[in-house]
Amino acid sequence: MSSLTLYSWPESGNSYKVRLLASILQIPYSLRDLDFLNLEQQGAAFTAINPKGEVPTLVVDDGKLVFTDSTTILTYLAATHPDSGRTTLPSSG
């Protein structure tokens, strides 16, 4: 299983969508909330990960993949964890 780190800001709607899907699909990830009020998203450490300085940003396997917008992150999570969170199989009838 891949290690996932989500860079987020609690008040970001786009970050919320990603956190919500990860919760529904029961996908484990590390959360790193940035301090937007002190402009952490514009600092060298974060812009080295995402030059746009925007959240959400999802880092997979310590930088093997980096996704920098919510739609792409949601698609990646759904595609790579299609059965996560499912407790029963769909009915065939």
C-alpha atoms as a PDB file:
ATOM      1  CA  MET A   1       0.000   0.000   0.000  1.00  0.00           C
ATOM      2  CA  SER A   2       1.203   3.490  -0.810  1.00  0.00           C
ATOM      3  CA  SER A   3       2.001   6.049   1.844  1.00  0.00           C
ATOM      4  CA  LEU A   4      -0.075   9.208   1.394  1.00  0.00           C
ATOM      5  CA  THR A   5       0.538  12.677   2.773  1.00  0.00           C
ATOM      6  CA  LEU A   6      -2.153  15.295   2.303  1.00  0.00           C
ATOM      7  CA  TYR A   7      -1.166  18.943   2.583  1.00  0.00           C
ATOM      8  CA  SER A   8      -4.265  20.824   3.529  1.00  0.00           C
ATOM      9  CA  TRP A   9      -5.809  23.828   5.216  1.00  0.00           C
ATOM     10  CA  PRO A  10      -8.808  23.132   7.484  1.00  0.00           C
ATOM     11  CA  GLU A  11     -10.887  25.950   5.977  1.00  0.00           C
ATOM     12  CA  SER A  12     -10.321  24.959   2.344  1.00  0.00           C
ATOM     13  CA  GLY A  13     -13.390  23.473   0.661  1.00  0.00           C
ATOM     14  CA  ASN A  14     -11.224  21.611  -1.832  1.00  0.00           C
ATOM     15  CA  SER A  15      -9.141  20.131   0.980  1.00  0.00           C
ATOM     16  CA  TYR A  16     -12.340  19.134   2.761  1.00  0.00           C
ATOM     17  CA  LYS A  17     -13.548  17.170  -0.286  1.00  0.00           C
ATOM     18  CA  VAL A  18     -10.359  15.132  -0.282  1.00  0.00           C
ATOM     19  CA  ARG A  19     -10.446  14.501   3.478  1.00  0.00           C
ATOM     20  CA  LEU A  20     -14.108  13.470   3.206  1.00  0.00           C
ATOM     21  CA  LEU A  21     -13.519  10.941   0.415  1.00  0.00           C
ATOM     22  CA  ALA A  22     -10.510   9.491   2.219  1.00  0.00           C
ATOM     23  CA  SER A  23     -12.681   9.104   5.322  1.00  0.00           C
ATOM     24  CA  ILE A  24     -15.563   7.458   3.444  1.00  0.00           C
ATOM     25  CA  LEU A  25     -13.196   5.055   1.681  1.00  0.00           C
ATOM     26  CA  GLN A  26     -11.264   4.490   4.928  1.00  0.00           C
ATOM     27  CA  ILE A  27      -7.960   5.391   3.284  1.00  0.00           C
ATOM     28  CA  PRO A  28      -5.131   5.944   5.764  1.00  0.00           C
ATOM     29  CA  TYR A  29      -3.059   9.068   5.182  1.00  0.00           C
ATOM     30  CA  SER A  30      -0.893  11.558   7.018  1.00  0.00           C
ATOM     31  CA  LEU A  31      -2.375  15.029   7.293  1.00  0.00           C
ATOM     32  CA  ARG A  32      -0.194  18.101   7.193  1.00  0.00           C
ATOM     33  CA  ASP A  33      -2.226  21.267   7.744  1.00  0.00           C
ATOM     34  CA  LEU A  34      -0.388  24.355   6.551  1.00  0.00           C
ATOM     35  CA  ASP A  35      -0.460  27.634   8.463  1.00  0.00           C
ATOM     36  CA  PHE A  36      -2.048  29.881   5.848  1.00  0.00           C
ATOM     37  CA  LEU A  37      -2.224  32.857   8.167  1.00  0.00           C
ATOM     38  CA  ASN A  38       1.574  32.856   8.369  1.00  0.00           C
ATOM     39  CA  LEU A  39       1.896  32.125   4.612  1.00  0.00           C
ATOM     40  CA  GLU A  40       3.459  28.682   5.092  1.00  0.00           C
ATOM     41  CA  GLN A  41       2.035  27.718   1.678  1.00  0.00           C
ATOM     42  CA  GLN A  42       4.397  30.247   0.081  1.00  0.00           C
ATOM     43  CA  GLY A  43       7.502  29.064   1.915  1.00  0.00           C
ATOM     44  CA  ALA A  44      10.375  27.258   0.250  1.00  0.00           C
ATOM     45  CA  ALA A  45       9.632  23.916   1.922  1.00  0.00           C
ATOM     46  CA  PHE A  46       6.097  23.719   0.503  1.00  0.00           C
ATOM     47  CA  THR A  47       6.740  25.321  -2.888  1.00  0.00           C
ATOM     48  CA  ALA A  48       9.417  22.667  -3.430  1.00  0.00           C
ATOM     49  CA  ILE A  49       6.516  20.169  -3.272  1.00  0.00           C
ATOM     50  CA  ASN A  50       3.909  22.282  -5.072  1.00  0.00           C
ATOM     51  CA  PRO A  51       5.316  25.326  -6.886  1.00  0.00           C
ATOM     52  CA  LYS A  52       1.805  26.799  -7.119  1.00  0.00           C
ATOM     53  CA  GLY A  53       1.663  26.992  -3.305  1.00  0.00           C
ATOM     54  CA  GLU A  54      -1.907  25.672  -3.246  1.00  0.00           C
ATOM     55  CA  VAL A  55      -3.811  23.059  -1.277  1.00  0.00           C
ATOM     56  CA  PRO A  56      -4.842  20.353  -1.392  1.00  0.00           C
ATOM     57  CA  THR A  57      -1.655  18.618  -2.444  1.00  0.00           C
ATOM     58  CA  LEU A  58      -1.290  14.856  -2.187  1.00  0.00           C
ATOM     59  CA  VAL A  59       2.175  13.287  -2.038  1.00  0.00           C
ATOM     60  CA  VAL A  60       2.354   9.552  -2.725  1.00  0.00           C
ATOM     61  CA  ASP A  61       5.267   7.387  -1.558  1.00  0.00           C
ATOM     62  CA  ASP A  62       7.456  10.295  -0.423  1.00  0.00           C
ATOM     63  CA  GLY A  63       7.279  12.129  -3.736  1.00  0.00           C
ATOM     64  CA  LYS A  64       6.936   9.309  -6.251  1.00  0.00           C
ATOM     65  CA  LEU A  65       3.700  11.039  -7.329  1.00  0.00           C
ATOM     66  CA  VAL A  66       2.440  14.512  -6.459  1.00  0.00           C
ATOM     67  CA  PHE A  67      -1.108  15.679  -7.205  1.00  0.00           C
ATOM     68  CA  THR A  68      -1.863  19.380  -6.904  1.00  0.00           C
ATOM     69  CA  ASP A  69      -5.597  19.809  -7.425  1.00  0.00           C
ATOM     70  CA  SER A  70      -8.639  18.310  -5.733  1.00  0.00           C
ATOM     71  CA  THR A  71     -10.240  16.766  -8.829  1.00  0.00           C
ATOM     72  CA  THR A  72      -7.098  14.846  -9.704  1.00  0.00           C
ATOM     73  CA  ILE A  73      -6.640  13.762  -6.085  1.00  0.00           C
ATOM     74  CA  LEU A  74     -10.246  12.542  -5.841  1.00  0.00           C
ATOM     75  CA  THR A  75      -9.879  10.601  -9.095  1.00  0.00           C
ATOM     76  CA  TYR A  76      -6.612   9.034  -7.942  1.00  0.00           C
ATOM     77  CA  LEU A  77      -8.048   7.981  -4.572  1.00  0.00           C
ATOM     78  CA  ALA A  78     -11.196   6.496  -6.122  1.00  0.00           C
ATOM     79  CA  ALA A  79      -9.217   4.651  -8.799  1.00  0.00           C
ATOM     80  CA  THR A  80      -6.623   3.209  -6.439  1.00  0.00           C
ATOM     81  CA  HIS A  81      -9.004   2.306  -3.584  1.00  0.00           C
ATOM     82  CA  PRO A  82     -12.218   1.178  -5.360  1.00  0.00           C
ATOM     83  CA  ASP A  83     -13.307  -1.314  -2.687  1.00  0.00           C
ATOM     84  CA  SER A  84     -12.235   0.617   0.401  1.00  0.00           C
ATOM     85  CA  GLY A  85     -14.990   1.267   2.882  1.00  0.00           C
ATOM     86  CA  ARG A  86     -17.301  -1.328   1.337  1.00  0.00           C
ATOM     87  CA  THR A  87     -18.791  -3.705   3.897  1.00  0.00           C
ATOM     88  CA  THR A  88     -21.061  -5.660   1.555  1.00  0.00           C
ATOM     89  CA  LEU A  89     -20.972  -6.603  -2.085  1.00  0.00           C
ATOM     90  CA  PRO A  90     -23.541  -5.080  -4.428  1.00  0.00           C
ATOM     91  CA  SER A  91     -26.604  -7.141  -5.180  1.00  0.00           C
ATOM     92  CA  SER A  92     -26.763  -8.919  -8.521  1.00  0.00           C
ATOM     93  CA  GLY A  93     -30.533  -9.133  -8.432  1.00  0.00           C
END
